[in-house]
Amino acid sequence: MSSKEEEAAPSGFDWAVRAVALLGGALLVALSVVVVVSVTLRSDLVGSAGVPGDFELVQMATAIAAFCFLPWCQLRRGNIFVDTFTLKLPLRWQRRIDALWDIVYALVMVLISWRLAVGARAAYATGENSMVLQVPSYLPIALCSVLAALVAAAAAVSALRLMRASA
């Protein structure tokens, strides 16, 4: 196997990040079912109150799912980027510049992860819960903090891969 093929083979990290993205997708599918059921229950046919706390579930699950998708998006180079000024540069320099921005992205995600952790700790300390379902607020916040750290790790891995490819 050539070195190019070895680089293309998914690592354990790639598989883990992909599994997290699939869990995020499953979460959104389940959320969609909850929303359909809730809307159906509110219809004139049924006339019920809907699923209690459906809006809380939508808020929490959407945030969690978004953080589930970001690491996979990063590893797949799926984020939007503007390369207007770098298109004329050699591929080696394009990769180095992209690696630099991946490092910046990783640092920003570390900051976001840290602040989410601080927010989760504050929510835990105050005993804050969601209004209808009484879900402890720190749980989804802490999970998003962990997932943001995973995004940071994915950006760092992406930067390392770009630097290796430009060497």
C-alpha atoms as a PDB file:
ATOM      1  CA  MET A   1       0.000   0.000   0.000  1.00  0.00           C
ATOM      2  CA  SER A   2       1.375   3.423  -0.893  1.00  0.00           C
ATOM      3  CA  SER A   3       1.727   6.236   1.621  1.00  0.00           C
ATOM      4  CA  LYS A   4      -1.086   8.098  -0.144  1.00  0.00           C
ATOM      5  CA  GLU A   5      -3.453   5.168   0.390  1.00  0.00           C
ATOM      6  CA  GLU A   6      -2.393   4.847   4.033  1.00  0.00           C
ATOM      7  CA  GLU A   7      -3.308   8.496   4.640  1.00  0.00           C
ATOM      8  CA  ALA A   8      -6.719   7.945   3.072  1.00  0.00           C
ATOM      9  CA  ALA A   9      -7.538   4.971   5.332  1.00  0.00           C
ATOM     10  CA  PRO A  10      -9.856   6.056   8.139  1.00  0.00           C
ATOM     11  CA  SER A  11      -8.334   6.006  11.605  1.00  0.00           C
ATOM     12  CA  GLY A  12     -10.057   5.086  14.845  1.00  0.00           C
ATOM     13  CA  PHE A  13     -10.589   8.797  15.417  1.00  0.00           C
ATOM     14  CA  ASP A  14     -12.330   9.083  12.033  1.00  0.00           C
ATOM     15  CA  TRP A  15     -14.618   6.183  12.912  1.00  0.00           C
ATOM     16  CA  ALA A  16     -15.443   7.654  16.328  1.00  0.00           C
ATOM     17  CA  VAL A  17     -16.215  11.068  14.857  1.00  0.00           C
ATOM     18  CA  ARG A  18     -18.381   9.467  12.192  1.00  0.00           C
ATOM     19  CA  ALA A  19     -20.244   7.481  14.860  1.00  0.00           C
ATOM     20  CA  VAL A  20     -20.909  10.712  16.784  1.00  0.00           C
ATOM     21  CA  ALA A  21     -22.278  12.303  13.593  1.00  0.00           C
ATOM     22  CA  LEU A  22     -24.533   9.280  13.029  1.00  0.00           C
ATOM     23  CA  LEU A  23     -25.783   9.578  16.611  1.00  0.00           C
ATOM     24  CA  GLY A  24     -26.558  13.229  15.900  1.00  0.00           C
ATOM     25  CA  GLY A  25     -28.505  12.169  12.825  1.00  0.00           C
ATOM     26  CA  ALA A  26     -30.429   9.555  14.806  1.00  0.00           C
ATOM     27  CA  LEU A  27     -31.183  12.209  17.421  1.00  0.00           C
ATOM     28  CA  LEU A  28     -32.635  14.503  14.743  1.00  0.00           C
ATOM     29  CA  VAL A  29     -34.727  11.664  13.283  1.00  0.00           C
ATOM     30  CA  ALA A  30     -36.126  10.904  16.742  1.00  0.00           C
ATOM     31  CA  LEU A  31     -36.742  14.606  17.286  1.00  0.00           C
ATOM     32  CA  SER A  32     -38.593  14.795  13.980  1.00  0.00           C
ATOM     33  CA  VAL A  33     -40.872  11.963  15.099  1.00  0.00           C
ATOM     34  CA  VAL A  34     -41.577  13.784  18.364  1.00  0.00           C
ATOM     35  CA  VAL A  35     -42.454  16.979  16.490  1.00  0.00           C
ATOM     36  CA  VAL A  36     -44.744  15.134  14.044  1.00  0.00           C
ATOM     37  CA  VAL A  37     -46.496  13.383  16.923  1.00  0.00           C
ATOM     38  CA  SER A  38     -46.847  16.642  18.838  1.00  0.00           C
ATOM     39  CA  VAL A  39     -48.265  18.537  15.850  1.00  0.00           C
ATOM     40  CA  THR A  40     -50.618  15.652  15.079  1.00  0.00           C
ATOM     41  CA  LEU A  41     -51.868  15.625  18.661  1.00  0.00           C
ATOM     42  CA  ARG A  42     -52.541  19.369  18.459  1.00  0.00           C
ATOM     43  CA  SER A  43     -54.535  19.017  15.239  1.00  0.00           C
ATOM     44  CA  ASP A  44     -58.301  19.431  15.119  1.00  0.00           C
ATOM     45  CA  LEU A  45     -58.647  15.677  14.592  1.00  0.00           C
ATOM     46  CA  VAL A  46     -57.131  14.742  17.935  1.00  0.00           C
ATOM     47  CA  GLY A  47     -57.447  17.989  19.877  1.00  0.00           C
ATOM     48  CA  SER A  48     -54.874  17.104  22.514  1.00  0.00           C
ATOM     49  CA  ALA A  49     -52.240  19.361  24.039  1.00  0.00           C
ATOM     50  CA  GLY A  50     -49.362  17.782  22.132  1.00  0.00           C
ATOM     51  CA  VAL A  51     -46.182  16.323  23.549  1.00  0.00           C
ATOM     52  CA  PRO A  52     -45.329  18.085  26.815  1.00  0.00           C
ATOM     53  CA  GLY A  53     -42.046  19.981  26.559  1.00  0.00           C
ATOM     54  CA  ASP A  54     -41.651  19.437  22.835  1.00  0.00           C
ATOM     55  CA  PHE A  55     -40.100  22.882  22.406  1.00  0.00           C
ATOM     56  CA  GLU A  56     -37.559  22.079  25.126  1.00  0.00           C
ATOM     57  CA  LEU A  57     -36.645  18.852  23.383  1.00  0.00           C
ATOM     58  CA  VAL A  58     -36.236  20.685  20.087  1.00  0.00           C
ATOM     59  CA  GLN A  59     -33.938  23.281  21.660  1.00  0.00           C
ATOM     60  CA  MET A  60     -31.723  20.792  23.477  1.00  0.00           C
ATOM     61  CA  ALA A  61     -31.559  18.153  20.746  1.00  0.00           C
ATOM     62  CA  THR A  62     -30.851  20.637  17.966  1.00  0.00           C
ATOM     63  CA  ALA A  63     -27.887  22.101  19.829  1.00  0.00           C
ATOM     64  CA  ILE A  64     -26.525  18.663  20.655  1.00  0.00           C
ATOM     65  CA  ALA A  65     -27.011  17.403  17.090  1.00  0.00           C
ATOM     66  CA  ALA A  66     -25.248  20.442  15.625  1.00  0.00           C
ATOM     67  CA  PHE A  67     -22.212  19.784  17.808  1.00  0.00           C
ATOM     68  CA  CYS A  68     -22.371  16.104  16.790  1.00  0.00           C
ATOM     69  CA  PHE A  69     -22.066  17.034  13.108  1.00  0.00           C
ATOM     70  CA  LEU A  70     -19.266  19.596  13.364  1.00  0.00           C
ATOM     71  CA  PRO A  71     -16.320  17.209  13.960  1.00  0.00           C
ATOM     72  CA  TRP A  72     -17.233  15.023  10.969  1.00  0.00           C
ATOM     73  CA  CYS A  73     -17.754  18.113   8.834  1.00  0.00           C
ATOM     74  CA  GLN A  74     -14.296  19.342   9.812  1.00  0.00           C
ATOM     75  CA  LEU A  75     -12.560  16.059   9.013  1.00  0.00           C
ATOM     76  CA  ARG A  76     -14.320  15.928   5.655  1.00  0.00           C
ATOM     77  CA  ARG A  77     -13.240  19.529   4.917  1.00  0.00           C
ATOM     78  CA  GLY A  78     -16.915  20.415   4.631  1.00  0.00           C
ATOM     79  CA  ASN A  79     -16.841  23.817   6.297  1.00  0.00           C
ATOM     80  CA  ILE A  80     -17.256  26.883   4.135  1.00  0.00           C
ATOM     81  CA  PHE A  81     -14.021  28.675   3.406  1.00  0.00           C
ATOM     82  CA  VAL A  82     -13.011  31.530   1.156  1.00  0.00           C
ATOM     83  CA  ASP A  83      -9.985  30.815  -0.982  1.00  0.00           C
ATOM     84  CA  THR A  84     -10.140  33.776  -3.365  1.00  0.00           C
ATOM     85  CA  PHE A  85      -6.634  34.970  -2.569  1.00  0.00           C
ATOM     86  CA  THR A  86      -4.981  31.587  -2.209  1.00  0.00           C
ATOM     87  CA  LEU A  87      -6.109  29.898  -5.431  1.00  0.00           C
ATOM     88  CA  LYS A  88      -2.995  31.042  -7.272  1.00  0.00           C
ATOM     89  CA  LEU A  89      -0.624  29.802  -4.567  1.00  0.00           C
ATOM     90  CA  PRO A  90       1.058  26.402  -4.821  1.00  0.00           C
ATOM     91  CA  LEU A  91      -0.927  23.539  -3.269  1.00  0.00           C
ATOM     92  CA  ARG A  92       1.701  23.226  -0.532  1.00  0.00           C
ATOM     93  CA  TRP A  93       1.058  26.803   0.643  1.00  0.00           C
ATOM     94  CA  GLN A  94      -2.702  26.433   0.333  1.00  0.00           C
ATOM     95  CA  ARG A  95      -2.537  23.451   2.679  1.00  0.00           C
ATOM     96  CA  ARG A  96      -0.341  25.313   5.145  1.00  0.00           C
ATOM     97  CA  ILE A  97      -2.724  28.283   5.210  1.00  0.00           C
ATOM     98  CA  ASP A  98      -5.688  25.943   5.656  1.00  0.00           C
ATOM     99  CA  ALA A  99      -3.818  24.208   8.492  1.00  0.00           C
ATOM    100  CA  LEU A 100      -3.262  27.569  10.175  1.00  0.00           C
ATOM    101  CA  TRP A 101      -6.985  28.333  10.016  1.00  0.00           C
ATOM    102  CA  ASP A 102      -7.772  24.859  11.332  1.00  0.00           C
ATOM    103  CA  ILE A 103      -5.574  25.638  14.337  1.00  0.00           C
ATOM    104  CA  VAL A 104      -7.435  28.923  14.843  1.00  0.00           C
ATOM    105  CA  TYR A 105     -10.719  27.013  14.614  1.00  0.00           C
ATOM    106  CA  ALA A 106      -9.457  24.475  17.160  1.00  0.00           C
ATOM    107  CA  LEU A 107      -8.515  27.269  19.569  1.00  0.00           C
ATOM    108  CA  VAL A 108     -11.915  28.940  19.168  1.00  0.00           C
ATOM    109  CA  MET A 109     -13.648  25.620  19.834  1.00  0.00           C
ATOM    110  CA  VAL A 110     -11.507  25.100  22.949  1.00  0.00           C
ATOM    111  CA  LEU A 111     -12.697  28.517  24.136  1.00  0.00           C
ATOM    112  CA  ILE A 112     -16.322  27.610  23.375  1.00  0.00           C
ATOM    113  CA  SER A 113     -15.930  24.254  25.131  1.00  0.00           C
ATOM    114  CA  TRP A 114     -14.452  25.941  28.196  1.00  0.00           C
ATOM    115  CA  ARG A 115     -17.233  28.529  28.388  1.00  0.00           C
ATOM    116  CA  LEU A 116     -19.900  25.861  27.930  1.00  0.00           C
ATOM    117  CA  ALA A 117     -18.290  23.908  30.776  1.00  0.00           C
ATOM    118  CA  VAL A 118     -18.403  27.026  32.942  1.00  0.00           C
ATOM    119  CA  GLY A 119     -22.072  27.477  32.019  1.00  0.00           C
ATOM    120  CA  ALA A 120     -22.843  23.829  32.797  1.00  0.00           C
ATOM    121  CA  ARG A 121     -21.164  24.137  36.178  1.00  0.00           C
ATOM    122  CA  ALA A 122     -23.172  27.283  36.958  1.00  0.00           C
ATOM    123  CA  ALA A 123     -26.419  25.583  35.917  1.00  0.00           C
ATOM    124  CA  TYR A 124     -25.531  22.613  38.109  1.00  0.00           C
ATOM    125  CA  ALA A 125     -24.694  24.844  41.085  1.00  0.00           C
ATOM    126  CA  THR A 126     -28.001  26.680  40.849  1.00  0.00           C
ATOM    127  CA  GLY A 127     -30.067  23.540  40.233  1.00  0.00           C
ATOM    128  CA  GLU A 128     -31.534  25.068  37.090  1.00  0.00           C
ATOM    129  CA  ASN A 129     -34.019  22.854  35.215  1.00  0.00           C
ATOM    130  CA  SER A 130     -36.028  23.185  32.026  1.00  0.00           C
ATOM    131  CA  MET A 131     -39.473  24.630  32.557  1.00  0.00           C
ATOM    132  CA  VAL A 132     -41.781  21.791  31.510  1.00  0.00           C
ATOM    133  CA  LEU A 133     -39.748  18.565  31.585  1.00  0.00           C
ATOM    134  CA  GLN A 134     -37.564  19.604  34.539  1.00  0.00           C
ATOM    135  CA  VAL A 135     -34.458  18.305  32.757  1.00  0.00           C
ATOM    136  CA  PRO A 136     -31.370  19.581  34.576  1.00  0.00           C
ATOM    137  CA  SER A 137     -30.034  22.380  32.356  1.00  0.00           C
ATOM    138  CA  TYR A 138     -26.422  21.427  32.930  1.00  0.00           C
ATOM    139  CA  LEU A 139     -26.802  18.077  31.115  1.00  0.00           C
ATOM    140  CA  PRO A 140     -27.205  19.327  27.521  1.00  0.00           C
ATOM    141  CA  ILE A 141     -24.780  22.180  28.163  1.00  0.00           C
ATOM    142  CA  ALA A 142     -22.119  19.804  29.486  1.00  0.00           C
ATOM    143  CA  LEU A 143     -22.675  17.447  26.562  1.00  0.00           C
ATOM    144  CA  CYS A 144     -22.236  20.343  24.127  1.00  0.00           C
ATOM    145  CA  SER A 145     -19.023  21.259  25.961  1.00  0.00           C
ATOM    146  CA  VAL A 146     -17.640  17.755  25.442  1.00  0.00           C
ATOM    147  CA  LEU A 147     -18.716  17.788  21.795  1.00  0.00           C
ATOM    148  CA  ALA A 148     -17.100  21.217  21.274  1.00  0.00           C
ATOM    149  CA  ALA A 149     -13.867  19.729  22.618  1.00  0.00           C
ATOM    150  CA  LEU A 150     -14.265  16.958  20.044  1.00  0.00           C
ATOM    151  CA  VAL A 151     -14.637  19.609  17.325  1.00  0.00           C
ATOM    152  CA  ALA A 152     -11.396  21.178  18.562  1.00  0.00           C
ATOM    153  CA  ALA A 153      -9.670  17.801  18.403  1.00  0.00           C
ATOM    154  CA  ALA A 154     -11.001  17.229  14.883  1.00  0.00           C
ATOM    155  CA  ALA A 155      -9.689  20.614  13.782  1.00  0.00           C
ATOM    156  CA  ALA A 156      -6.282  19.821  15.282  1.00  0.00           C
ATOM    157  CA  VAL A 157      -6.212  16.434  13.526  1.00  0.00           C
ATOM    158  CA  SER A 158      -7.226  18.136  10.292  1.00  0.00           C
ATOM    159  CA  ALA A 159      -4.422  20.687  10.679  1.00  0.00           C
ATOM    160  CA  LEU A 160      -1.864  17.938  11.333  1.00  0.00           C
ATOM    161  CA  ARG A 161      -3.001  16.051   8.259  1.00  0.00           C
ATOM    162  CA  LEU A 162      -2.713  19.162   6.119  1.00  0.00           C
ATOM    163  CA  MET A 163       0.765  19.895   7.443  1.00  0.00           C
ATOM    164  CA  ARG A 164       1.873  16.324   6.725  1.00  0.00           C
ATOM    165  CA  ALA A 165       0.427  16.539   3.209  1.00  0.00           C
ATOM    166  CA  SER A 166       2.274  19.819   2.565  1.00  0.00           C
ATOM    167  CA  ALA A 167       5.640  18.481   3.747  1.00  0.00           C
END
